[in-house]
Protein backbone atom coordinates (compact mmCIF):
# COMPACT_ATOMS: atom_id res chain seq x y z
CA MET A 1 16.40 -5.84 78.09
CA LYS A 2 17.01 -9.29 77.19
CA ALA A 3 12.92 -9.29 77.18
CA VAL A 4 12.71 -6.54 74.83
CA ARG A 5 14.56 -8.94 72.11
CA PRO A 6 11.96 -12.09 72.10
CA ILE A 7 9.73 -9.57 71.22
CA ALA A 8 11.23 -8.01 68.55
CA ALA A 9 12.26 -11.29 67.19
CA THR A 10 8.80 -12.69 67.33
CA ALA A 11 7.57 -9.40 65.68
CA ALA A 12 10.33 -9.21 63.44
CA VAL A 13 8.65 -13.37 62.38
CA VAL A 14 5.42 -12.23 62.34
CA ALA A 15 5.83 -9.28 59.60
CA VAL A 16 8.01 -11.86 57.55
CA LEU A 17 5.41 -14.16 57.30
CA ALA A 18 2.75 -11.62 56.61
CA ALA A 19 4.84 -10.35 54.04
CA VAL A 20 5.40 -13.76 52.60
CA LEU A 21 1.57 -14.57 52.84
CA LEU A 22 0.39 -11.01 50.75
CA LEU A 23 3.26 -11.77 48.28
CA SER A 24 1.70 -15.67 47.94
CA ARG A 25 -2.00 -13.63 47.59
CA HIS A 26 -0.76 -11.00 45.23
CA ARG A 27 1.13 -14.56 42.54
CA GLU A 28 -2.40 -16.04 43.15
CA ALA A 29 -4.36 -12.62 41.88
CA VAL A 30 -2.49 -12.41 38.68
CA ALA A 31 -1.85 -15.58 38.21
CA PRO A 32 -2.82 -16.32 34.39
CA PRO A 33 -5.16 -18.19 33.68
CA PRO A 34 -5.51 -22.02 32.79
CA VAL A 35 -4.55 -23.00 29.31
CA VAL A 36 -8.25 -24.45 29.28
CA ALA A 37 -9.57 -21.60 29.33
CA ALA A 38 -7.32 -20.19 26.36
CA ALA A 39 -8.28 -22.69 24.39
CA ALA A 40 -11.47 -22.31 24.42
CA ALA A 41 -11.47 -18.80 24.22
CA SER A 42 -9.79 -18.88 20.81
CA THR A 43 -12.25 -21.70 19.37
CA PRO A 44 -13.76 -20.25 16.27
CA ILE A 45 -17.53 -18.96 16.17
CA PRO A 46 -19.22 -19.05 13.19
CA GLY A 47 -21.43 -16.35 12.51
CA ARG A 48 -23.62 -14.76 9.82
CA LEU A 49 -22.87 -11.37 7.89
CA VAL A 50 -25.60 -9.07 6.00
CA LEU A 51 -24.08 -7.43 2.84
CA PHE A 52 -25.56 -4.70 1.02
CA PHE A 53 -24.80 -5.46 -3.01
CA PRO A 54 -26.57 -3.17 -5.53
CA GLY A 55 -29.25 -4.53 -7.80
CA ASP A 56 -30.74 -3.90 -11.41
CA ASP A 57 -33.21 -1.88 -9.86
CA ALA A 58 -30.59 0.67 -8.65
CA LEU A 59 -31.58 -0.45 -5.03
CA LEU A 60 -29.60 -2.64 -2.50
CA HIS A 61 -30.48 -5.88 -1.85
CA ARG A 62 -29.60 -7.43 1.28
CA GLU A 63 -26.83 -11.35 0.76
CA GLY A 64 -26.63 -13.45 3.95
CA ARG A 65 -23.24 -14.92 4.03
CA ASP A 66 -21.99 -17.72 6.58
CA VAL A 67 -18.33 -17.31 7.66
CA PRO A 68 -16.70 -19.94 9.49
CA GLU A 69 -15.62 -17.59 12.05
CA LEU A 70 -17.02 -14.28 13.03
CA PRO A 71 -14.21 -12.07 14.96
CA SER A 72 -15.38 -10.35 18.64
CA GLY A 73 -13.09 -7.32 17.92
CA ALA A 74 -14.47 -3.92 16.08
CA SER A 75 -11.44 -3.47 13.91
CA GLN A 76 -11.40 -7.53 13.35
CA ARG A 77 -15.02 -7.78 12.35
CA MET A 78 -15.03 -4.34 10.08
CA ARG A 79 -12.15 -6.01 8.05
CA LEU A 80 -13.70 -8.96 7.59
CA VAL A 81 -16.82 -7.37 6.80
CA LEU A 82 -14.82 -5.07 4.15
CA GLU A 83 -13.18 -8.30 2.66
CA GLU A 84 -16.70 -10.35 1.92
CA LEU A 85 -18.08 -7.19 0.49
CA ILE A 86 -15.10 -6.91 -1.68
CA ALA A 87 -15.03 -10.07 -2.55
CA GLY A 88 -18.61 -9.81 -4.41
CA SER A 89 -22.01 -11.26 -4.26
CA ARG A 90 -22.54 -14.93 -3.71
CA GLU A 91 -26.23 -14.69 -4.94
CA GLY A 92 -25.41 -13.15 -8.82
CA PHE A 93 -25.58 -9.49 -7.75
CA PRO A 94 -23.43 -6.71 -9.38
CA PRO A 95 -20.09 -5.84 -7.23
CA ALA A 96 -19.87 -3.55 -5.17
CA PHE A 97 -16.64 -1.64 -6.07
CA PRO A 98 -16.49 -1.06 -9.79
CA TRP A 99 -12.48 -1.97 -9.20
CA SER A 100 -10.35 -3.95 -7.31
CA ALA A 101 -10.58 -2.38 -4.08
CA THR A 102 -8.61 -3.62 -0.77
CA VAL A 103 -8.95 -2.42 2.78
CA GLN A 104 -5.66 -0.65 4.03
CA ALA A 105 -6.78 0.28 7.62
CA VAL A 106 -9.68 0.45 10.00
CA PHE A 107 -10.63 1.36 13.15
CA LEU A 108 -13.16 2.61 15.52
CA ASP A 109 -13.81 5.65 17.62
CA ARG A 110 -15.15 6.17 21.46
CA GLU A 111 -17.94 7.99 19.28
CA GLY A 112 -19.13 5.04 16.90
CA ASP A 113 -17.50 6.24 14.19
CA ALA A 114 -16.31 3.58 11.92
CA PHE A 115 -13.21 4.85 9.36
CA VAL A 116 -12.76 2.59 6.72
CA ASP A 117 -9.86 3.67 4.42
CA LEU A 118 -10.12 1.60 0.61
CA SER A 119 -7.50 1.54 -1.91
CA ALA A 120 -8.51 4.76 -4.37
CA PRO A 121 -10.45 3.89 -7.34
CA PRO A 122 -8.38 4.21 -10.63
CA PRO A 123 -9.09 7.29 -12.80
CA ASP A 124 -10.69 5.51 -15.43
CA VAL A 125 -13.27 3.61 -12.88
CA PRO A 126 -16.79 4.47 -14.28
CA THR A 127 -18.57 7.58 -12.35
CA GLY A 128 -22.16 8.33 -12.19
CA SER A 129 -24.48 9.01 -8.99
CA ASP A 130 -26.21 5.57 -8.33
CA ILE A 131 -21.79 3.93 -8.88
CA GLU A 132 -21.22 6.09 -5.93
CA LEU A 133 -24.25 5.47 -3.50
CA THR A 134 -23.94 1.96 -4.30
CA VAL A 135 -20.14 2.77 -3.12
CA ALA A 136 -20.90 4.55 0.26
CA TYR A 137 -24.01 2.82 0.98
CA ALA A 138 -23.03 -0.46 -0.01
CA THR A 139 -20.29 0.32 2.45
CA VAL A 140 -21.72 2.06 5.76
CA ASN A 141 -24.56 -0.31 5.43
CA SER A 142 -23.05 -3.52 5.70
CA VAL A 143 -20.14 -2.38 8.18
CA VAL A 144 -23.03 -0.53 10.67
CA ALA A 145 -25.00 -3.57 10.05
CA ASN A 146 -22.63 -6.24 11.28
CA CYS A 147 -20.60 -4.29 13.84
CA PRO A 148 -21.74 -3.67 17.11
CA GLY A 149 -21.52 -0.28 18.26
CA VAL A 150 -20.56 1.41 15.01
CA ARG A 151 -22.89 3.83 13.89
CA ARG A 152 -21.81 5.93 11.48
CA VAL A 153 -18.61 5.63 8.82
CA GLN A 154 -16.57 7.88 7.24
CA LEU A 155 -14.97 6.83 4.01
CA LEU A 156 -11.59 7.50 3.28
CA PHE A 157 -9.81 6.31 0.00
CA GLY A 158 -5.85 5.53 -0.12
CA GLY A 159 -5.62 6.98 2.90
CA ARG A 160 -6.89 10.61 2.36
CA GLU A 161 -9.97 12.24 3.45
CA VAL A 162 -11.80 12.55 0.58
CA ALA A 163 -14.78 15.49 -0.38
CA THR A 164 -16.46 13.89 -2.52
CA LEU A 165 -16.71 10.83 -4.69
CA GLY A 166 -18.34 12.42 -7.64
CA HIS A 167 -21.18 14.11 -6.36
CA LEU A 168 -21.81 12.41 -3.26
CA ASP A 169 -20.31 14.50 -0.03
CA LEU A 170 -17.86 12.37 1.82
CA SER A 171 -16.67 15.42 4.28
CA ARG A 172 -17.75 13.49 7.38
CA PRO A 173 -19.13 10.28 8.67
CA LEU A 174 -22.20 8.78 6.88
CA PRO A 175 -25.31 7.19 8.90
CA PRO A 176 -26.52 4.00 7.01
CA ASN A 177 -29.47 4.79 4.20
CA LEU A 178 -32.09 2.50 4.73
CA GLU A 179 -34.46 4.41 2.00
CA LEU A 180 -32.29 2.95 -0.61
CA VAL A 181 -32.63 -1.04 0.24
CA ALA A 182 -34.68 -2.86 -1.31
CA PRO A 183 -38.04 -4.20 0.92
């Protein structure tokens, strides 16, 4: 019986050491990254956007836009694109929106459909086919051109899905329309 006690004690010591070793390895595996790596990841990366604005020829025209930081996340990038589009052209093109639009929400689903919620146009906003096409496709083309993974855009206004914008069917996500873009 006395010979069994040292063996049991040795086994207990080995088990405790094994547990300590496993716990120390687990802590190393889930340890946060070094501060230097986190600082490097948050360094702003300048980028270039391509936005679409209406021209006098009823076509959309590309305008390059340098931005100080190009977000990597889809929602943040979509919001940036929309805010830059709403801010207007820097090359003298008319605005894409005939009202002071604001971005209320954006998100991307698993199928690559972006949902863009803009402030609703006021009742007295000018209408017509050209304006409707400009609002829709300046938005759709700009978002798809600048946001990897986005293939279509569903426009919402004032938090609501709308069936039409004048004559344009908005009941489903729209793919980009390059036929409306100047060569």
